[in-house]
Amino acid sequence: MSLEEKLLQDFISLPQDKKIEVLDFVEFLKSKSNQSLESVMDTIIIENQEALKELAK
């Protein structure tokens, strides 16, 4: 059984309120990942601001 199948099987067996908690946690993890990527991009832009200005000319 794959990880996805196991997760789905376990998820289906949960009561409705616990399913909502799982979905909230998944959204939290996705948001956390997106924030990390945004933070990295912000750092790259700040550290290379002069070079980016030159390239934009």
C-alpha atoms as a PDB file:
ATOM      1  CA  MET A   1       0.000   0.000   0.000  1.00  0.00           C
ATOM      2  CA  SER A   2       1.387   3.371  -0.986  1.00  0.00           C
ATOM      3  CA  LEU A   3       1.665   6.292   1.387  1.00  0.00           C
ATOM      4  CA  GLU A   4      -1.165   8.061  -0.429  1.00  0.00           C
ATOM      5  CA  GLU A   5      -3.440   5.022  -0.171  1.00  0.00           C
ATOM      6  CA  LYS A   6      -2.688   4.638   3.536  1.00  0.00           C
ATOM      7  CA  LEU A   7      -3.369   8.317   4.156  1.00  0.00           C
ATOM      8  CA  LEU A   8      -6.647   8.183   2.265  1.00  0.00           C
ATOM      9  CA  GLN A   9      -7.745   5.014   4.054  1.00  0.00           C
ATOM     10  CA  ASP A  10      -6.965   6.547   7.456  1.00  0.00           C
ATOM     11  CA  PHE A  11      -8.577   9.844   6.507  1.00  0.00           C
ATOM     12  CA  ILE A  12     -11.810   8.173   5.405  1.00  0.00           C
ATOM     13  CA  SER A  13     -12.114   6.393   8.743  1.00  0.00           C
ATOM     14  CA  LEU A  14     -11.902   9.633  10.753  1.00  0.00           C
ATOM     15  CA  PRO A  15     -14.934  11.427  12.137  1.00  0.00           C
ATOM     16  CA  GLN A  16     -15.919  14.651  10.348  1.00  0.00           C
ATOM     17  CA  ASP A  17     -14.403  16.992  12.967  1.00  0.00           C
ATOM     18  CA  LYS A  18     -11.038  15.229  12.733  1.00  0.00           C
ATOM     19  CA  LYS A  19     -11.124  15.400   8.933  1.00  0.00           C
ATOM     20  CA  ILE A  20     -11.486  19.160   9.232  1.00  0.00           C
ATOM     21  CA  GLU A  21      -8.461  19.257  11.563  1.00  0.00           C
ATOM     22  CA  VAL A  22      -6.417  17.246   9.056  1.00  0.00           C
ATOM     23  CA  LEU A  23      -7.383  19.616   6.234  1.00  0.00           C
ATOM     24  CA  ASP A  24      -6.503  22.622   8.388  1.00  0.00           C
ATOM     25  CA  PHE A  25      -3.104  21.096   9.121  1.00  0.00           C
ATOM     26  CA  VAL A  26      -2.452  20.396   5.434  1.00  0.00           C
ATOM     27  CA  GLU A  27      -3.317  24.016   4.601  1.00  0.00           C
ATOM     28  CA  PHE A  28      -0.962  25.163   7.375  1.00  0.00           C
ATOM     29  CA  LEU A  29       1.887  23.073   5.946  1.00  0.00           C
ATOM     30  CA  LYS A  30       1.274  24.400   2.438  1.00  0.00           C
ATOM     31  CA  SER A  31       1.188  27.963   3.732  1.00  0.00           C
ATOM     32  CA  LYS A  32       4.392  27.446   5.699  1.00  0.00           C
ATOM     33  CA  SER A  33       6.106  26.112   2.590  1.00  0.00           C
ATOM     34  CA  ASN A  34       4.928  29.074   0.506  1.00  0.00           C
ATOM     35  CA  GLN A  35       6.134  31.535   3.155  1.00  0.00           C
ATOM     36  CA  SER A  36       9.572  29.893   3.156  1.00  0.00           C
ATOM     37  CA  LEU A  37       9.824  30.212  -0.617  1.00  0.00           C
ATOM     38  CA  GLU A  38       8.694  33.843  -0.495  1.00  0.00           C
ATOM     39  CA  SER A  39      11.273  34.560   2.196  1.00  0.00           C
ATOM     40  CA  VAL A  40      14.051  33.037   0.090  1.00  0.00           C
ATOM     41  CA  MET A  41      12.985  35.040  -2.953  1.00  0.00           C
ATOM     42  CA  ASP A  42      12.828  38.254  -0.909  1.00  0.00           C
ATOM     43  CA  THR A  43      16.361  37.624   0.347  1.00  0.00           C
ATOM     44  CA  ILE A  44      17.653  36.966  -3.170  1.00  0.00           C
ATOM     45  CA  ILE A  45      16.059  40.171  -4.446  1.00  0.00           C
ATOM     46  CA  ILE A  46      17.407  42.270  -1.579  1.00  0.00           C
ATOM     47  CA  GLU A  47      20.927  40.827  -1.838  1.00  0.00           C
ATOM     48  CA  ASN A  48      21.014  41.304  -5.621  1.00  0.00           C
ATOM     49  CA  GLN A  49      19.093  44.547  -5.953  1.00  0.00           C
ATOM     50  CA  GLU A  50      21.852  46.424  -7.776  1.00  0.00           C
ATOM     51  CA  ALA A  51      22.477  43.617 -10.246  1.00  0.00           C
ATOM     52  CA  LEU A  52      18.759  43.307 -10.931  1.00  0.00           C
ATOM     53  CA  LYS A  53      18.530  47.039 -11.594  1.00  0.00           C
ATOM     54  CA  GLU A  54      21.347  46.758 -14.108  1.00  0.00           C
ATOM     55  CA  LEU A  55      19.695  43.830 -15.838  1.00  0.00           C
ATOM     56  CA  ALA A  56      16.426  45.750 -16.054  1.00  0.00           C
ATOM     57  CA  LYS A  57      18.036  48.518 -18.130  1.00  0.00           C
END
